[in-house]
Structure formats: structure tokens, C-alpha cells
Amino acid sequence: MMKFLLQVITTWPATIGTFYFFSNKTFKPLNHDATVGMIIVTGFLIIFLQIFLVSLYLFVF
């Protein structure tokens, strides 16, 4: 169970990092604020999704 939580905690910063890397390459014409905002929104979506998955996992098992 702790291993699962640890995996969740380590996956989302990696995902945000990946998004940041790709957005820097893809969205160069856009202003920096728009890119940062997009990353933050994506990050929060990922976090909420994983919290939901963890709670689901706890209820099922």
C-alpha cells in the first residue's frame, strides 16, 4: 500500500516535468504566463485524478 502511494507521489512531478519540457518546446510563440498557467492546471488535474484513484483503490481493496 505504501509502495503504491510512493509511486503516486513520484509519478505526478515527473508528469508535470514532462509537460513543462514539451510546452517549452511547443509553445514558444505564446507568452510565458500562458504556458505556466497551462502547466499548473494540468498538474492540478493530474493530482486530483491520482487522489481520486488512491481513494478508489482504498475503498475497493
C-alpha atoms as a PDB file:
ATOM      1  CA  MET A   1       0.000   0.000   0.000  1.00  0.00           C
ATOM      2  CA  MET A   2       2.786   2.423   0.929  1.00  0.00           C
ATOM      3  CA  LYS A   3       4.595   1.396  -2.228  1.00  0.00           C
ATOM      4  CA  PHE A   4       1.525   2.360  -4.238  1.00  0.00           C
ATOM      5  CA  LEU A   5       1.294   5.772  -2.530  1.00  0.00           C
ATOM      6  CA  LEU A   6       5.005   6.347  -3.061  1.00  0.00           C
ATOM      7  CA  GLN A   7       4.558   5.539  -6.744  1.00  0.00           C
ATOM      8  CA  VAL A   8       1.725   8.085  -6.987  1.00  0.00           C
ATOM      9  CA  ILE A   9       3.793  10.743  -5.215  1.00  0.00           C
ATOM     10  CA  THR A  10       6.733  10.187  -7.578  1.00  0.00           C
ATOM     11  CA  THR A  11       4.731   9.975 -10.816  1.00  0.00           C
ATOM     12  CA  TRP A  12       2.970  13.341 -10.797  1.00  0.00           C
ATOM     13  CA  PRO A  13       6.063  15.598 -10.507  1.00  0.00           C
ATOM     14  CA  ALA A  14       7.581  13.586 -13.346  1.00  0.00           C
ATOM     15  CA  THR A  15       4.437  14.135 -15.411  1.00  0.00           C
ATOM     16  CA  ILE A  16       4.460  17.871 -14.713  1.00  0.00           C
ATOM     17  CA  GLY A  17       8.154  17.971 -15.602  1.00  0.00           C
ATOM     18  CA  THR A  18       7.417  16.255 -18.904  1.00  0.00           C
ATOM     19  CA  PHE A  19       4.602  18.701 -19.662  1.00  0.00           C
ATOM     20  CA  TYR A  20       6.881  21.614 -18.801  1.00  0.00           C
ATOM     21  CA  PHE A  21       9.586  20.276 -21.128  1.00  0.00           C
ATOM     22  CA  PHE A  22       7.192  19.764 -24.042  1.00  0.00           C
ATOM     23  CA  SER A  23       5.340  23.038 -23.532  1.00  0.00           C
ATOM     24  CA  ASN A  24       8.654  24.905 -23.610  1.00  0.00           C
ATOM     25  CA  LYS A  25       9.377  23.330 -26.985  1.00  0.00           C
ATOM     26  CA  THR A  26       5.872  23.572 -28.437  1.00  0.00           C
ATOM     27  CA  PHE A  27       4.530  26.866 -27.114  1.00  0.00           C
ATOM     28  CA  LYS A  28       7.493  29.165 -27.692  1.00  0.00           C
ATOM     29  CA  PRO A  29       5.343  31.726 -29.617  1.00  0.00           C
ATOM     30  CA  LEU A  30       2.946  32.032 -26.665  1.00  0.00           C
ATOM     31  CA  ASN A  31       3.786  34.207 -23.703  1.00  0.00           C
ATOM     32  CA  HIS A  32       5.387  32.591 -20.677  1.00  0.00           C
ATOM     33  CA  ASP A  33       2.398  33.191 -18.359  1.00  0.00           C
ATOM     34  CA  ALA A  34       0.031  31.179 -20.561  1.00  0.00           C
ATOM     35  CA  THR A  35       2.450  28.248 -20.569  1.00  0.00           C
ATOM     36  CA  VAL A  36       2.920  28.341 -16.801  1.00  0.00           C
ATOM     37  CA  GLY A  37      -0.848  28.561 -16.278  1.00  0.00           C
ATOM     38  CA  MET A  38      -1.401  25.558 -18.510  1.00  0.00           C
ATOM     39  CA  ILE A  39       1.215  23.555 -16.608  1.00  0.00           C
ATOM     40  CA  ILE A  40      -0.341  24.451 -13.253  1.00  0.00           C
ATOM     41  CA  VAL A  41      -3.834  23.483 -14.458  1.00  0.00           C
ATOM     42  CA  THR A  42      -2.551  20.213 -15.909  1.00  0.00           C
ATOM     43  CA  GLY A  43      -0.649  19.495 -12.716  1.00  0.00           C
ATOM     44  CA  PHE A  44      -3.717  20.039 -10.562  1.00  0.00           C
ATOM     45  CA  LEU A  45      -5.806  17.827 -12.846  1.00  0.00           C
ATOM     46  CA  ILE A  46      -3.222  15.060 -12.545  1.00  0.00           C
ATOM     47  CA  ILE A  47      -3.081  15.445  -8.754  1.00  0.00           C
ATOM     48  CA  PHE A  48      -6.878  15.327  -8.395  1.00  0.00           C
ATOM     49  CA  LEU A  49      -7.093  12.318 -10.695  1.00  0.00           C
ATOM     50  CA  GLN A  50      -4.471  10.451  -8.687  1.00  0.00           C
ATOM     51  CA  ILE A  51      -6.080  11.362  -5.357  1.00  0.00           C
ATOM     52  CA  PHE A  52      -9.341  10.005  -6.768  1.00  0.00           C
ATOM     53  CA  LEU A  53      -7.589   6.818  -7.894  1.00  0.00           C
ATOM     54  CA  VAL A  54      -5.959   6.370  -4.480  1.00  0.00           C
ATOM     55  CA  SER A  55      -9.278   6.784  -2.654  1.00  0.00           C
ATOM     56  CA  LEU A  56     -10.907   4.382  -5.097  1.00  0.00           C
ATOM     57  CA  TYR A  57      -8.062   1.910  -4.513  1.00  0.00           C
ATOM     58  CA  LEU A  58      -8.531   2.226  -0.736  1.00  0.00           C
ATOM     59  CA  PHE A  59     -12.275   1.614  -0.965  1.00  0.00           C
ATOM     60  CA  VAL A  60     -12.020  -1.351  -3.316  1.00  0.00           C
ATOM     61  CA  PHE A  61      -9.160  -3.179  -1.567  1.00  0.00           C
END
